[in-house]
C-alpha atoms as a PDB file:
ATOM      1  CA  UNK A   1      -0.043   0.336  -0.111  1.00  0.00           C
ATOM      2  CA  UNK A   2       1.137   3.434  -0.995  1.00  0.00           C
ATOM      3  CA  UNK A   3       1.538   6.162   1.822  1.00  0.00           C
ATOM      4  CA  UNK A   4       1.529   9.695   1.039  1.00  0.00           C
ATOM      5  CA  UNK A   5       4.731  11.633   1.139  1.00  0.00           C
ATOM      6  CA  UNK A   6       5.147  14.980   2.659  1.00  0.00           C
ATOM      7  CA  UNK A   7       7.434  17.355   0.973  1.00  0.00           C
ATOM      8  CA  UNK A   8       9.487  20.184   2.646  1.00  0.00           C
ATOM      9  CA  UNK A   9       9.871  23.596   1.157  1.00  0.00           C
ATOM     10  CA  UNK A  10      13.844  23.078   1.706  1.00  0.00           C
ATOM     11  CA  UNK A  11      13.599  19.816  -0.527  1.00  0.00           C
ATOM     12  CA  UNK A  12      14.736  20.163  -3.945  1.00  0.00           C
ATOM     13  CA  UNK A  13      12.051  21.317  -6.333  1.00  0.00           C
ATOM     14  CA  UNK A  14      12.447  18.318  -8.490  1.00  0.00           C
ATOM     15  CA  UNK A  15      11.889  15.748  -5.517  1.00  0.00           C
ATOM     16  CA  UNK A  16       8.610  13.928  -6.132  1.00  0.00           C
ATOM     17  CA  UNK A  17       7.792  10.636  -5.771  1.00  0.00           C
ATOM     18  CA  UNK A  18       7.397   8.599  -8.903  1.00  0.00           C
ATOM     19  CA  UNK A  19       3.587   9.064 -10.104  1.00  0.00           C
ATOM     20  CA  UNK A  20       3.135   5.239  -9.932  1.00  0.00           C
ATOM     21  CA  UNK A  21       3.192   5.924  -6.618  1.00  0.00           C
ATOM     22  CA  UNK A  22       0.251   7.911  -6.119  1.00  0.00           C
ATOM     23  CA  UNK A  23      -2.937   6.614  -3.783  1.00  0.00           C
ATOM     24  CA  UNK A  24      -5.572   5.070  -5.468  1.00  0.00           C
ATOM     25  CA  UNK A  25      -8.197   6.352  -2.914  1.00  0.00           C
ATOM     26  CA  UNK A  26      -8.320   9.447  -3.683  1.00  0.00           C
ATOM     27  CA  UNK A  27      -7.352   8.855  -7.231  1.00  0.00           C
ATOM     28  CA  UNK A  28      -3.757  10.158  -7.751  1.00  0.00           C
ATOM     29  CA  UNK A  29      -2.879  11.769  -4.616  1.00  0.00           C
ATOM     30  CA  UNK A  30       0.873  11.648  -4.617  1.00  0.00           C
ATOM     31  CA  UNK A  31       2.598  13.835  -2.027  1.00  0.00           C
ATOM     32  CA  UNK A  32       1.758  16.784   0.286  1.00  0.00           C
ATOM     33  CA  UNK A  33       3.612  19.990   1.083  1.00  0.00           C
ATOM     34  CA  UNK A  34       6.448  21.581  -0.550  1.00  0.00           C
ATOM     35  CA  UNK A  35       6.109  24.997  -2.229  1.00  0.00           C
ATOM     36  CA  UNK A  36       4.574  26.560  -5.377  1.00  0.00           C
ATOM     37  CA  UNK A  37       7.739  28.051  -6.634  1.00  0.00           C
ATOM     38  CA  UNK A  38       8.101  28.456 -10.253  1.00  0.00           C
ATOM     39  CA  UNK A  39      10.964  25.991 -10.619  1.00  0.00           C
ATOM     40  CA  UNK A  40       8.837  23.274  -8.547  1.00  0.00           C
ATOM     41  CA  UNK A  41       6.103  23.611 -10.637  1.00  0.00           C
ATOM     42  CA  UNK A  42       8.108  23.663 -13.973  1.00  0.00           C
ATOM     43  CA  UNK A  43       9.380  20.470 -12.912  1.00  0.00           C
ATOM     44  CA  UNK A  44       6.009  18.818 -11.592  1.00  0.00           C
ATOM     45  CA  UNK A  45       4.165  19.284 -15.012  1.00  0.00           C
ATOM     46  CA  UNK A  46       6.303  17.288 -17.000  1.00  0.00           C
ATOM     47  CA  UNK A  47       5.960  14.534 -15.163  1.00  0.00           C
ATOM     48  CA  UNK A  48       2.234  14.412 -14.902  1.00  0.00           C
ATOM     49  CA  UNK A  49       2.192  15.902 -11.152  1.00  0.00           C
ATOM     50  CA  UNK A  50       0.147  19.420 -10.596  1.00  0.00           C
ATOM     51  CA  UNK A  51      -0.999  21.131  -7.400  1.00  0.00           C
ATOM     52  CA  UNK A  52      -4.705  21.012  -6.400  1.00  0.00           C
ATOM     53  CA  UNK A  53      -5.786  21.838  -2.514  1.00  0.00           C
ATOM     54  CA  UNK A  54      -8.201  24.076  -0.937  1.00  0.00           C
ATOM     55  CA  UNK A  55      -7.885  26.949   1.672  1.00  0.00           C
ATOM     56  CA  UNK A  56      -6.372  25.721   4.788  1.00  0.00           C
ATOM     57  CA  UNK A  57      -5.121  22.667   3.581  1.00  0.00           C
ATOM     58  CA  UNK A  58      -1.225  21.981   2.822  1.00  0.00           C
ATOM     59  CA  UNK A  59      -0.098  21.886  -0.874  1.00  0.00           C
ATOM     60  CA  UNK A  60      -1.288  18.685  -2.409  1.00  0.00           C
ATOM     61  CA  UNK A  61       0.173  16.991  -5.538  1.00  0.00           C
ATOM     62  CA  UNK A  62      -1.884  15.046  -7.785  1.00  0.00           C
ATOM     63  CA  UNK A  63      -1.318  12.497 -10.710  1.00  0.00           C
ATOM     64  CA  UNK A  64      -4.161  10.641 -11.375  1.00  0.00           C
ATOM     65  CA  UNK A  65      -5.108   7.926 -13.678  1.00  0.00           C
ATOM     66  CA  UNK A  66      -6.492   8.208 -16.273  1.00  0.00           C
ATOM     67  CA  UNK A  67      -5.552  11.578 -17.515  1.00  0.00           C
ATOM     68  CA  UNK A  68      -7.691  13.490 -20.326  1.00  0.00           C
ATOM     69  CA  UNK A  69      -5.740  14.341 -23.577  1.00  0.00           C
ATOM     70  CA  UNK A  70      -7.607  16.288 -26.023  1.00  0.00           C
ATOM     71  CA  UNK A  71      -6.218  16.648 -29.803  1.00  0.00           C
ATOM     72  CA  UNK A  72      -6.617  19.588 -30.908  1.00  0.00           C
ATOM     73  CA  UNK A  73      -7.252  18.200 -34.530  1.00  0.00           C
ATOM     74  CA  UNK A  74      -9.928  15.842 -33.206  1.00  0.00           C
ATOM     75  CA  UNK A  75     -11.875  18.665 -31.429  1.00  0.00           C
ATOM     76  CA  UNK A  76     -15.351  19.239 -33.169  1.00  0.00           C
ATOM     77  CA  UNK A  77     -17.116  22.350 -32.484  1.00  0.00           C
ATOM     78  CA  UNK A  78     -20.498  22.503 -32.478  1.00  0.00           C
ATOM     79  CA  UNK A  79     -22.607  24.098 -35.432  1.00  0.00           C
ATOM     80  CA  UNK A  80     -24.106  27.020 -33.301  1.00  0.00           C
ATOM     81  CA  UNK A  81     -20.899  28.110 -31.784  1.00  0.00           C
ATOM     82  CA  UNK A  82     -19.220  28.015 -35.359  1.00  0.00           C
ATOM     83  CA  UNK A  83     -22.265  30.338 -36.470  1.00  0.00           C
ATOM     84  CA  UNK A  84     -21.401  32.416 -33.714  1.00  0.00           C
ATOM     85  CA  UNK A  85     -17.638  32.875 -34.484  1.00  0.00           C
ATOM     86  CA  UNK A  86     -18.284  33.087 -38.134  1.00  0.00           C
ATOM     87  CA  UNK A  87     -20.896  35.973 -37.537  1.00  0.00           C
ATOM     88  CA  UNK A  88     -17.981  37.736 -35.209  1.00  0.00           C
ATOM     89  CA  UNK A  89     -20.285  37.070 -32.115  1.00  0.00           C
ATOM     90  CA  UNK A  90     -17.101  36.395 -30.118  1.00  0.00           C
ATOM     91  CA  UNK A  91     -13.487  37.051 -30.392  1.00  0.00           C
ATOM     92  CA  UNK A  92     -10.749  34.814 -29.149  1.00  0.00           C
ATOM     93  CA  UNK A  93      -7.318  36.248 -27.917  1.00  0.00           C
ATOM     94  CA  UNK A  94      -4.045  34.997 -26.233  1.00  0.00           C
ATOM     95  CA  UNK A  95      -2.230  36.447 -23.241  1.00  0.00           C
ATOM     96  CA  UNK A  96      -4.213  39.526 -23.452  1.00  0.00           C
ATOM     97  CA  UNK A  97      -5.826  39.650 -20.239  1.00  0.00           C
ATOM     98  CA  UNK A  98      -4.163  36.543 -18.117  1.00  0.00           C
ATOM     99  CA  UNK A  99      -4.906  38.510 -14.547  1.00  0.00           C
ATOM    100  CA  UNK A 100      -8.550  38.981 -15.437  1.00  0.00           C
ATOM    101  CA  UNK A 101      -8.694  35.297 -16.635  1.00  0.00           C
ATOM    102  CA  UNK A 102      -7.073  34.044 -13.404  1.00  0.00           C
ATOM    103  CA  UNK A 103      -9.515  36.212 -11.575  1.00  0.00           C
ATOM    104  CA  UNK A 104     -12.239  35.131 -13.511  1.00  0.00           C
ATOM    105  CA  UNK A 105     -11.441  31.161 -12.344  1.00  0.00           C
ATOM    106  CA  UNK A 106     -10.886  32.327  -8.944  1.00  0.00           C
ATOM    107  CA  UNK A 107     -14.492  33.144  -8.260  1.00  0.00           C
ATOM    108  CA  UNK A 108     -16.769  31.211  -6.278  1.00  0.00           C
ATOM    109  CA  UNK A 109     -19.103  29.277  -8.372  1.00  0.00           C
ATOM    110  CA  UNK A 110     -22.787  29.969  -8.027  1.00  0.00           C
ATOM    111  CA  UNK A 111     -23.576  26.637  -6.508  1.00  0.00           C
ATOM    112  CA  UNK A 112     -21.940  27.813  -3.110  1.00  0.00           C
ATOM    113  CA  UNK A 113     -18.740  25.593  -3.344  1.00  0.00           C
ATOM    114  CA  UNK A 114     -15.390  27.746  -2.917  1.00  0.00           C
ATOM    115  CA  UNK A 115     -12.412  27.913  -5.270  1.00  0.00           C
ATOM    116  CA  UNK A 116      -9.281  25.898  -5.107  1.00  0.00           C
ATOM    117  CA  UNK A 117      -7.512  28.877  -6.719  1.00  0.00           C
ATOM    118  CA  UNK A 118      -6.180  30.328  -3.065  1.00  0.00           C
ATOM    119  CA  UNK A 119      -4.344  33.448  -3.153  1.00  0.00           C
ATOM    120  CA  UNK A 120      -1.225  31.626  -2.932  1.00  0.00           C
ATOM    121  CA  UNK A 121      -2.154  29.724  -5.769  1.00  0.00           C
ATOM    122  CA  UNK A 122      -2.674  33.149  -7.992  1.00  0.00           C
ATOM    123  CA  UNK A 123       0.294  34.467  -7.161  1.00  0.00           C
ATOM    124  CA  UNK A 124       2.279  31.373  -8.267  1.00  0.00           C
ATOM    125  CA  UNK A 125       0.638  30.791 -11.876  1.00  0.00           C
ATOM    126  CA  UNK A 126       0.888  34.828 -12.147  1.00  0.00           C
ATOM    127  CA  UNK A 127       4.624  34.434 -11.614  1.00  0.00           C
ATOM    128  CA  UNK A 128       5.043  31.716 -14.368  1.00  0.00           C
ATOM    129  CA  UNK A 129       3.166  34.176 -16.929  1.00  0.00           C
ATOM    130  CA  UNK A 130       5.380  36.493 -16.134  1.00  0.00           C
ATOM    131  CA  UNK A 131       8.014  34.303 -17.116  1.00  0.00           C
ATOM    132  CA  UNK A 132       6.488  33.111 -19.957  1.00  0.00           C
ATOM    133  CA  UNK A 133       5.141  29.906 -19.089  1.00  0.00           C
ATOM    134  CA  UNK A 134       1.621  30.123 -18.049  1.00  0.00           C
ATOM    135  CA  UNK A 135      -0.830  31.526 -20.706  1.00  0.00           C
ATOM    136  CA  UNK A 136      -4.654  32.436 -21.222  1.00  0.00           C
ATOM    137  CA  UNK A 137      -6.868  32.100 -23.921  1.00  0.00           C
ATOM    138  CA  UNK A 138      -9.804  34.786 -23.533  1.00  0.00           C
ATOM    139  CA  UNK A 139     -12.942  34.980 -25.137  1.00  0.00           C
ATOM    140  CA  UNK A 140     -14.409  38.694 -25.585  1.00  0.00           C
ATOM    141  CA  UNK A 141     -18.156  39.522 -26.692  1.00  0.00           C
ATOM    142  CA  UNK A 142     -18.359  43.327 -27.241  1.00  0.00           C
ATOM    143  CA  UNK A 143     -14.763  44.005 -25.627  1.00  0.00           C
ATOM    144  CA  UNK A 144     -16.335  42.156 -22.805  1.00  0.00           C
ATOM    145  CA  UNK A 145     -14.370  39.292 -21.275  1.00  0.00           C
ATOM    146  CA  UNK A 146     -16.971  36.474 -20.938  1.00  0.00           C
ATOM    147  CA  UNK A 147     -14.996  33.623 -20.863  1.00  0.00           C
ATOM    148  CA  UNK A 148     -11.156  32.288 -20.427  1.00  0.00           C
ATOM    149  CA  UNK A 149      -8.893  29.175 -19.808  1.00  0.00           C
ATOM    150  CA  UNK A 150      -5.741  29.460 -18.320  1.00  0.00           C
ATOM    151  CA  UNK A 151      -2.792  26.917 -17.897  1.00  0.00           C
ATOM    152  CA  UNK A 152       0.795  26.025 -18.367  1.00  0.00           C
ATOM    153  CA  UNK A 153       2.508  25.546 -21.437  1.00  0.00           C
ATOM    154  CA  UNK A 154       6.002  23.535 -22.071  1.00  0.00           C
ATOM    155  CA  UNK A 155       7.344  22.186 -25.070  1.00  0.00           C
ATOM    156  CA  UNK A 156       4.423  20.876 -26.984  1.00  0.00           C
ATOM    157  CA  UNK A 157       2.037  20.358 -24.279  1.00  0.00           C
ATOM    158  CA  UNK A 158      -0.308  22.707 -22.804  1.00  0.00           C
ATOM    159  CA  UNK A 159      -1.851  21.798 -19.465  1.00  0.00           C
ATOM    160  CA  UNK A 160      -4.931  23.627 -18.679  1.00  0.00           C
ATOM    161  CA  UNK A 161      -5.974  24.715 -15.341  1.00  0.00           C
ATOM    162  CA  UNK A 162      -9.132  26.107 -14.946  1.00  0.00           C
ATOM    163  CA  UNK A 163     -11.621  28.112 -17.091  1.00  0.00           C
ATOM    164  CA  UNK A 164     -14.829  29.891 -16.599  1.00  0.00           C
ATOM    165  CA  UNK A 165     -17.663  31.697 -18.533  1.00  0.00           C
ATOM    166  CA  UNK A 166     -20.297  33.843 -18.443  1.00  0.00           C
ATOM    167  CA  UNK A 167     -22.347  33.069 -21.634  1.00  0.00           C
ATOM    168  CA  UNK A 168     -23.220  29.784 -22.850  1.00  0.00           C
ATOM    169  CA  UNK A 169     -21.275  28.170 -26.114  1.00  0.00           C
END
């Protein structure tokens, strides 16, 4: 039986247990502790490891099985959304409003559930953005931000972290 490994902020940023050692219940919980330094995050993602925790919890590191992979060439856009894009209803940009997208993703949900994007987490991803590693995709309608997605880009892989929308489609 695997046990949860505790990381210290003093540990080398690349020191993580092997993802195969992740717990099965809860699925993928690998380690706790450490820090959200840019160096640690950039070493975690290529190993399939990411942080996810809530306020008042220690930093939790995950590597669940299975993982979702979206192949861009295989994504199908609905007919109604394609029509709206052609009509210019929505405009899409990249890295134009990273901080606004991050704030949109961090807002508490209407159903009353909190957010996992703590202030500490927000600062960590803003730092990654400032270093050129984290990116956002924004959806605009009449110059108003109505949706967005942010994540980390390393090599040819984009690790989507969170998204929000204020309009359907």
